[in-house]
Amino acid sequence: MTWLLIAQAVVLCVTAVVATVAAAVIGPPLFHEHLHLAGSDTSGSTFDHVEEAFRSAGLLTLGAALLAAIAAAGLVTVVLGRRLTGPLQDLASAATRVADGHYGATVAKPTRLSELAAVGTAFNRMSAQLASTEQVRQQMLSDLGHELRTPLATIQVYLDAADDDVTSGHELTAVLREQVTRLDRLTRDINAISRADESAITLERNPIDVAELLASVTGPRQDHLRARGLTLDVSAPSGTTLRGDRLRLQQVLTNLLDNAERHTADGGRIRVTVRPEPQAVSIEVADDGDGIGEEHLAHVFERFYRTDTARDRDHGGAGIGLAICRSVVLAHGGSITAHSNGFGTGARFRITLPTP
């Protein structure tokens, strides 16, 4: 506020100097000229007194106006300064808290200053995003710790049992192979998500027949699904094509089907439906399984996010597959959404991809 007052004072001083010089230098000659044009006698002491009166009145009027301007400028500066400094101090304080690691700090948005309100809104959004990112990071570290601890603990138990000749070599080999496979899957998932940023994905775009793409993904898993009593219905009109990376899209569909299978009880049903749309094609993977709570729908595509941590661990999920799906679909210029009416009502995941 001090600098604002100084700036106002400088402006007023310059204005006063210019106005005074103008009134003293320009005013009297003009007054004298107008009197002459009016036919008045411009000689003698009477005219000198009139001219002096004009000059004095002008300077007094100018001085009063400048004093009023100074008072008004000072009042406006104080009022605006207080309105500015308060929100700015709150913003600086909140920024300091965020810098100190207290993510989620927010500021109150001024109601009468639209520019500062916009800054406050942007800051609150940034703070909320940082808090969400920090929460995901902490959850990620916790999940990774658990994912690593479980197979390592299992391996340790069976190695101890082998030392005590409690378990056979065949059983030990089988357990080691299973746990190494689990660790390898986790490693591949982490590598995949680290490369799955939109800017890092490279695509080999080629014409793709959607029906053939689905057949390549659903065909190999039919026997496994039948063994669990799961029904897989595929509806894909022939002749529907798009242009994209076949391997990447296979990965997306595989992740969605894995997710549907993981959360569908034995005897359930999974449906894959293709719908041609203007300039696009949509692929929907739906199931009648666990469903998703409304509070989780906005977060299911975040990295390492799980709607039910314990359940997903038991099913082998690491909270990465859907994040990979989103990154690949966005890299194709498409969109992916999740829908559910709540727990126990099943879930639907819809991909929309542009057509050639």
Protein backbone atom coordinates (compact mmCIF):
# COMPACT_ATOMS: atom_id res chain seq x y z
CA MET A 1 0.00 0.00 0.00
CA THR A 2 2.95 2.37 0.66
CA TRP A 3 4.08 2.17 -2.97
CA LEU A 4 0.53 2.84 -4.11
CA LEU A 5 0.43 6.00 -1.98
CA ILE A 6 3.81 7.13 -3.31
CA ALA A 7 2.65 6.56 -6.90
CA GLN A 8 -0.51 8.57 -6.26
CA ALA A 9 1.53 11.40 -4.69
CA VAL A 10 3.90 11.55 -7.67
CA VAL A 11 1.00 11.72 -10.11
CA LEU A 12 -0.69 14.50 -8.09
CA CYS A 13 2.56 16.49 -7.79
CA VAL A 14 3.16 16.37 -11.52
CA THR A 15 -0.46 17.36 -12.13
CA ALA A 16 -0.16 20.28 -9.70
CA VAL A 17 3.03 21.59 -11.31
CA VAL A 18 1.63 21.36 -14.82
CA ALA A 19 -1.69 22.96 -13.81
CA THR A 20 0.04 25.79 -11.90
CA VAL A 21 2.38 26.61 -14.76
CA ALA A 22 -0.51 26.50 -17.20
CA ALA A 23 -2.65 28.76 -15.00
CA ALA A 24 0.19 31.24 -14.43
CA VAL A 25 1.64 31.36 -17.94
CA ILE A 26 -1.27 30.66 -20.26
CA GLY A 27 -4.23 32.05 -18.29
CA PRO A 28 -3.37 35.79 -18.02
CA PRO A 29 -2.50 36.30 -21.71
CA LEU A 30 -5.76 34.63 -22.73
CA PHE A 31 -7.70 36.77 -20.25
CA HIS A 32 -5.98 39.89 -21.59
CA GLU A 33 -6.76 38.94 -25.19
CA HIS A 34 -10.45 38.31 -24.51
CA LEU A 35 -10.80 41.68 -22.76
CA HIS A 36 -9.18 43.37 -25.74
CA LEU A 37 -11.55 41.62 -28.15
CA ALA A 38 -14.49 42.70 -25.99
CA GLY A 39 -13.41 46.33 -26.41
CA SER A 40 -12.39 46.91 -22.81
CA ASP A 41 -9.63 49.30 -21.89
CA THR A 42 -6.59 47.19 -21.09
CA SER A 43 -4.52 50.07 -19.76
CA GLY A 44 -4.46 51.62 -16.35
CA SER A 45 -4.48 50.39 -12.78
CA THR A 46 -8.05 49.06 -12.97
CA PHE A 47 -7.11 46.49 -15.54
CA ASP A 48 -4.06 45.49 -13.49
CA HIS A 49 -6.30 44.85 -10.47
CA VAL A 50 -8.75 42.82 -12.59
CA GLU A 51 -5.93 40.76 -14.03
CA GLU A 52 -4.46 40.19 -10.56
CA ALA A 53 -7.89 39.17 -9.26
CA PHE A 54 -8.25 36.70 -12.13
CA ARG A 55 -4.82 35.22 -11.44
CA SER A 56 -5.44 34.94 -7.69
CA ALA A 57 -8.89 33.39 -8.15
CA GLY A 58 -7.51 30.87 -10.61
CA LEU A 59 -4.65 29.85 -8.34
CA LEU A 60 -6.90 29.60 -5.29
CA THR A 61 -9.44 27.52 -7.19
CA LEU A 62 -6.69 25.32 -8.56
CA GLY A 63 -5.19 24.90 -5.07
CA ALA A 64 -8.56 23.92 -3.58
CA ALA A 65 -9.13 21.43 -6.39
CA LEU A 66 -5.70 19.92 -5.89
CA LEU A 67 -6.26 19.60 -2.14
CA ALA A 68 -9.59 17.87 -2.79
CA ALA A 69 -7.90 15.58 -5.31
CA ILE A 70 -5.17 14.72 -2.83
CA ALA A 71 -7.72 13.89 -0.14
CA ALA A 72 -9.82 11.79 -2.54
CA ALA A 73 -6.74 9.98 -3.91
CA GLY A 74 -5.52 9.23 -0.39
CA LEU A 75 -8.91 7.89 0.66
CA VAL A 76 -9.25 5.72 -2.45
CA THR A 77 -5.72 4.44 -2.02
CA VAL A 78 -6.32 3.46 1.60
CA VAL A 79 -9.62 1.71 0.82
CA LEU A 80 -8.32 -0.14 -2.23
CA GLY A 81 -5.04 -0.87 -0.48
CA ARG A 82 -6.83 -2.58 2.37
CA ARG A 83 -8.96 -4.59 -0.04
CA LEU A 84 -5.88 -5.61 -1.97
CA THR A 85 -3.43 -6.27 0.83
CA GLY A 86 -5.80 -8.47 2.84
CA PRO A 87 -6.39 -11.09 0.09
CA LEU A 88 -2.76 -10.87 -1.05
CA GLN A 89 -1.51 -11.50 2.49
CA ASP A 90 -3.89 -14.47 2.77
CA LEU A 91 -2.60 -15.76 -0.57
CA ALA A 92 1.03 -15.38 0.52
CA SER A 93 0.29 -17.14 3.81
CA ALA A 94 -1.48 -20.01 2.06
CA ALA A 95 1.35 -20.32 -0.49
CA THR A 96 3.84 -20.52 2.38
CA ARG A 97 1.81 -23.31 4.00
CA VAL A 98 1.73 -25.22 0.72
CA ALA A 99 5.50 -24.73 0.31
CA ASP A 100 5.95 -26.15 3.82
CA GLY A 101 4.08 -29.29 2.81
CA HIS A 102 0.61 -28.46 4.11
CA TYR A 103 -1.19 -29.30 0.87
CA GLY A 104 -4.84 -28.41 0.66
CA ALA A 105 -4.45 -24.92 2.16
CA THR A 106 -7.05 -22.60 0.65
CA VAL A 107 -7.83 -18.88 0.54
CA ALA A 108 -11.13 -17.05 0.78
CA LYS A 109 -12.14 -15.53 -2.55
CA PRO A 110 -12.92 -11.76 -2.52
CA THR A 111 -16.48 -11.17 -3.67
CA ARG A 112 -15.99 -7.67 -5.17
CA LEU A 113 -12.60 -8.03 -6.85
CA SER A 114 -13.08 -10.37 -9.80
CA GLU A 115 -9.39 -10.53 -10.69
CA LEU A 116 -8.33 -11.54 -7.16
CA ALA A 117 -11.29 -13.94 -7.00
CA ALA A 118 -9.98 -15.63 -10.16
CA VAL A 119 -6.51 -15.88 -8.61
CA GLY A 120 -8.00 -17.34 -5.43
CA THR A 121 -10.02 -19.89 -7.40
CA ALA A 122 -6.95 -20.95 -9.39
CA PHE A 123 -4.87 -21.22 -6.20
CA ASN A 124 -7.52 -23.34 -4.46
CA ARG A 125 -7.71 -25.65 -7.47
CA MET A 126 -3.93 -25.99 -7.52
CA SER A 127 -3.86 -26.67 -3.78
CA ALA A 128 -6.60 -29.29 -4.03
CA GLN A 129 -4.76 -30.99 -6.89
CA LEU A 130 -1.52 -31.03 -4.89
CA ALA A 131 -3.36 -32.51 -1.90
CA SER A 132 -4.89 -35.20 -4.12
CA THR A 133 -1.53 -35.96 -5.70
CA GLU A 134 0.11 -36.25 -2.29
CA GLN A 135 -2.65 -38.58 -1.10
CA VAL A 136 -2.22 -40.76 -4.16
CA ARG A 137 1.56 -40.77 -3.66
CA GLN A 138 1.22 -41.88 -0.06
CA GLN A 139 -1.31 -44.54 -1.03
CA MET A 140 0.98 -45.66 -3.84
CA LEU A 141 3.92 -46.11 -1.48
CA SER A 142 1.72 -48.01 0.96
CA ASP A 143 0.38 -50.25 -1.82
CA LEU A 144 3.83 -50.88 -3.27
CA GLY A 145 5.11 -51.76 0.18
CA HIS A 146 2.29 -54.25 0.63
CA GLU A 147 2.64 -55.69 -2.87
CA LEU A 148 6.34 -56.30 -2.28
CA ARG A 149 5.99 -57.47 1.31
CA THR A 150 3.43 -60.19 0.63
CA PRO A 151 5.39 -62.24 -1.95
CA LEU A 152 8.68 -61.70 -0.11
CA ALA A 153 7.13 -62.92 3.14
CA THR A 154 5.70 -65.97 1.35
CA ILE A 155 9.08 -66.76 -0.20
CA GLN A 156 10.77 -66.39 3.20
CA VAL A 157 8.29 -68.77 4.85
CA TYR A 158 8.79 -71.47 2.24
CA LEU A 159 12.58 -71.06 2.29
CA ASP A 160 12.51 -71.54 6.07
CA ALA A 161 10.30 -74.57 5.58
CA ALA A 162 12.74 -75.97 3.04
CA ASP A 163 15.61 -75.49 5.48
CA ASP A 164 13.65 -77.51 8.03
CA ASP A 165 12.78 -80.16 5.43
CA VAL A 166 9.08 -79.44 5.98
CA THR A 167 8.27 -78.81 2.32
CA SER A 168 9.21 -80.61 -0.86
CA GLY A 169 11.40 -79.17 -3.58
CA HIS A 170 8.52 -79.35 -6.05
CA GLU A 171 6.21 -77.38 -3.76
CA LEU A 172 8.94 -74.81 -3.07
CA THR A 173 9.59 -74.36 -6.80
CA ALA A 174 5.91 -73.87 -7.49
CA VAL A 175 5.56 -71.23 -4.79
CA LEU A 176 8.72 -69.42 -5.87
CA ARG A 177 7.52 -69.40 -9.47
CA GLU A 178 4.11 -68.04 -8.46
CA GLN A 179 5.57 -65.25 -6.33
CA VAL A 180 8.20 -64.32 -8.90
CA THR A 181 5.41 -64.08 -11.46
CA ARG A 182 3.52 -61.78 -9.13
CA LEU A 183 6.59 -59.57 -8.65
CA ASP A 184 7.25 -59.57 -12.38
CA ARG A 185 3.66 -58.50 -13.06
CA LEU A 186 3.98 -55.66 -10.55
CA THR A 187 7.23 -54.52 -12.15
CA ARG A 188 5.72 -54.55 -15.61
CA ASP A 189 2.70 -52.61 -14.37
CA ILE A 190 4.91 -49.94 -12.81
CA ASN A 191 6.98 -49.66 -15.98
CA ALA A 192 3.83 -49.44 -18.07
CA ILE A 193 2.29 -46.64 -16.03
CA SER A 194 5.57 -44.72 -16.01
CA ARG A 195 5.50 -44.76 -19.83
CA ALA A 196 1.78 -44.16 -20.08
CA ASP A 197 1.87 -40.36 -19.88
CA GLU A 198 0.15 -38.94 -22.92
CA SER A 199 3.28 -37.14 -24.03
CA ALA A 200 5.40 -40.30 -23.75
CA ILE A 201 3.16 -42.70 -25.68
CA THR A 202 4.17 -43.42 -29.26
CA LEU A 203 1.48 -44.86 -31.50
CA GLU A 204 1.72 -46.86 -34.71
CA ARG A 205 -1.59 -45.96 -36.31
CA ASN A 206 -3.06 -48.37 -38.84
CA PRO A 207 -6.60 -49.23 -40.00
CA ILE A 208 -8.21 -51.64 -37.53
CA ASP A 209 -11.34 -53.75 -37.92
CA VAL A 210 -13.05 -53.40 -34.54
CA ALA A 211 -14.73 -56.83 -34.68
CA GLU A 212 -11.39 -58.53 -35.35
CA LEU A 213 -9.75 -56.49 -32.59
CA LEU A 214 -12.35 -57.69 -30.08
CA ALA A 215 -12.07 -61.29 -31.29
CA SER A 216 -8.30 -61.22 -30.71
CA VAL A 217 -8.89 -60.17 -27.11
CA THR A 218 -12.02 -62.10 -26.13
CA GLY A 219 -11.33 -65.35 -27.97
CA PRO A 220 -8.39 -66.61 -25.88
CA ARG A 221 -10.23 -66.04 -22.57
CA GLN A 222 -13.52 -67.75 -23.39
CA ASP A 223 -12.50 -71.14 -21.94
CA HIS A 224 -11.26 -69.56 -18.74
CA LEU A 225 -14.46 -67.58 -18.32
CA ARG A 226 -16.63 -70.64 -18.96
CA ALA A 227 -14.69 -72.49 -16.28
CA ARG A 228 -15.84 -69.86 -13.80
CA GLY A 229 -19.37 -69.92 -15.11
CA LEU A 230 -19.02 -66.40 -16.54
CA THR A 231 -20.84 -65.49 -19.75
CA LEU A 232 -19.12 -63.16 -22.21
CA ASP A 233 -21.40 -61.57 -24.80
CA VAL A 234 -19.80 -59.66 -27.67
CA SER A 235 -21.79 -57.48 -30.04
CA ALA A 236 -19.73 -55.86 -32.78
CA PRO A 237 -21.22 -54.98 -36.19
CA SER A 238 -18.98 -55.99 -39.08
CA GLY A 239 -17.33 -53.33 -41.16
CA THR A 240 -16.70 -50.95 -38.25
CA THR A 241 -13.15 -49.62 -38.50
CA LEU A 242 -10.92 -47.10 -36.80
CA ARG A 243 -7.33 -45.98 -37.09
CA GLY A 244 -5.05 -46.64 -34.15
CA ASP A 245 -2.32 -48.69 -32.53
CA ARG A 246 -3.57 -52.29 -32.47
CA LEU A 247 -1.32 -53.48 -29.64
CA ARG A 248 -2.15 -50.48 -27.45
CA LEU A 249 -5.88 -50.90 -27.97
CA GLN A 250 -5.59 -54.62 -27.25
CA GLN A 251 -3.94 -53.65 -23.98
CA VAL A 252 -6.84 -51.30 -23.16
CA LEU A 253 -9.50 -53.93 -23.88
CA THR A 254 -7.54 -56.59 -22.01
CA ASN A 255 -7.31 -54.34 -18.94
CA LEU A 256 -11.03 -53.56 -19.06
CA LEU A 257 -11.96 -57.24 -19.39
CA ASP A 258 -9.55 -58.17 -16.59
CA ASN A 259 -11.17 -55.53 -14.42
CA ALA A 260 -14.67 -56.79 -15.25
CA GLU A 261 -13.71 -60.41 -14.58
CA ARG A 262 -11.99 -59.54 -11.31
CA HIS A 263 -15.10 -57.84 -9.94
CA THR A 264 -17.74 -60.24 -11.27
CA ALA A 265 -18.77 -63.23 -9.20
CA ASP A 266 -18.87 -66.77 -10.66
CA GLY A 267 -21.94 -67.20 -12.81
CA GLY A 268 -22.09 -63.52 -13.76
CA ARG A 269 -22.21 -61.88 -17.16
CA ILE A 270 -19.84 -59.56 -19.05
CA ARG A 271 -20.99 -57.71 -22.15
CA VAL A 272 -18.87 -55.99 -24.80
CA THR A 273 -20.85 -53.76 -27.16
CA VAL A 274 -19.63 -51.77 -30.15
CA ARG A 275 -21.72 -48.82 -31.38
CA PRO A 276 -20.80 -46.79 -34.49
CA GLU A 277 -21.29 -43.06 -33.96
CA PRO A 278 -20.83 -40.01 -36.21
CA GLN A 279 -17.07 -39.65 -36.74
CA ALA A 280 -16.42 -42.09 -33.86
CA VAL A 281 -16.96 -45.59 -32.52
CA SER A 282 -17.73 -46.49 -28.92
CA ILE A 283 -16.80 -49.73 -27.19
CA GLU A 284 -18.54 -50.51 -23.91
CA VAL A 285 -17.45 -53.17 -21.43
CA ALA A 286 -20.19 -53.85 -18.87
CA ASP A 287 -20.59 -56.36 -16.06
CA ASP A 288 -23.12 -57.21 -13.35
CA GLY A 289 -20.51 -57.47 -10.61
CA ASP A 290 -19.43 -55.44 -7.60
CA GLY A 291 -20.21 -51.98 -9.02
CA ILE A 292 -18.59 -48.69 -8.05
CA GLY A 293 -19.70 -46.22 -5.39
CA GLU A 294 -20.58 -42.73 -6.59
CA GLU A 295 -17.75 -41.22 -4.53
CA HIS A 296 -15.21 -43.37 -6.40
CA LEU A 297 -16.34 -42.80 -10.01
CA ALA A 298 -14.33 -39.61 -10.44
CA HIS A 299 -11.12 -41.32 -9.26
CA VAL A 300 -11.13 -44.81 -10.82
CA PHE A 301 -8.73 -43.75 -13.60
CA GLU A 302 -6.15 -42.32 -11.20
CA ARG A 303 -2.89 -44.18 -10.70
CA PHE A 304 -2.92 -46.70 -7.87
CA TYR A 305 -6.47 -45.75 -6.89
CA ARG A 306 -8.59 -48.57 -5.49
CA THR A 307 -12.25 -48.48 -4.53
CA ASP A 308 -11.66 -51.25 -1.99
CA THR A 309 -8.00 -51.74 -1.12
CA ALA A 310 -8.28 -55.07 0.63
CA ARG A 311 -10.57 -56.60 -1.98
CA ASP A 312 -8.46 -55.43 -4.91
CA ARG A 313 -5.29 -56.78 -3.34
CA ASP A 314 -6.92 -60.16 -2.90
CA HIS A 315 -7.91 -60.09 -6.55
CA GLY A 316 -4.41 -59.14 -7.65
CA GLY A 317 -5.10 -55.59 -8.85
CA ALA A 318 -2.54 -52.87 -8.33
CA GLY A 319 -4.74 -49.93 -9.31
CA ILE A 320 -2.80 -49.33 -12.53
CA GLY A 321 -4.78 -50.92 -15.36
CA LEU A 322 -7.47 -48.26 -15.67
CA ALA A 323 -4.88 -45.45 -15.52
CA ILE A 324 -3.09 -47.07 -18.47
CA CYS A 325 -6.41 -47.33 -20.32
CA ARG A 326 -7.06 -43.64 -19.92
CA SER A 327 -3.59 -42.62 -21.09
CA VAL A 328 -3.74 -44.82 -24.20
CA VAL A 329 -7.27 -43.70 -25.12
CA LEU A 330 -6.40 -40.02 -24.68
CA ALA A 331 -3.31 -40.49 -26.82
CA HIS A 332 -5.64 -41.74 -29.58
CA GLY A 333 -7.70 -38.56 -29.25
CA GLY A 334 -10.59 -40.42 -27.62
CA SER A 335 -12.28 -40.49 -24.23
CA ILE A 336 -13.07 -43.09 -21.57
CA THR A 337 -15.76 -42.90 -18.90
CA ALA A 338 -17.02 -45.06 -16.04
CA HIS A 339 -20.65 -45.51 -15.00
CA SER A 340 -22.27 -47.37 -12.13
CA ASN A 341 -25.39 -47.08 -10.01
CA GLY A 342 -23.51 -48.08 -6.87
CA PHE A 343 -22.11 -51.14 -5.16
CA GLY A 344 -23.68 -54.40 -6.27
CA THR A 345 -25.13 -52.96 -9.49
CA GLY A 346 -22.28 -53.66 -11.91
CA ALA A 347 -20.18 -51.18 -13.85
CA ARG A 348 -19.86 -49.93 -17.42
CA PHE A 349 -16.70 -48.56 -19.03
CA ARG A 350 -17.12 -46.79 -22.36
CA ILE A 351 -14.35 -45.93 -24.80
CA THR A 352 -15.01 -43.48 -27.61
CA LEU A 353 -12.43 -43.36 -30.40
CA PRO A 354 -12.41 -41.21 -33.55
CA THR A 355 -12.88 -43.01 -36.86
CA PRO A 356 -10.90 -42.31 -40.05
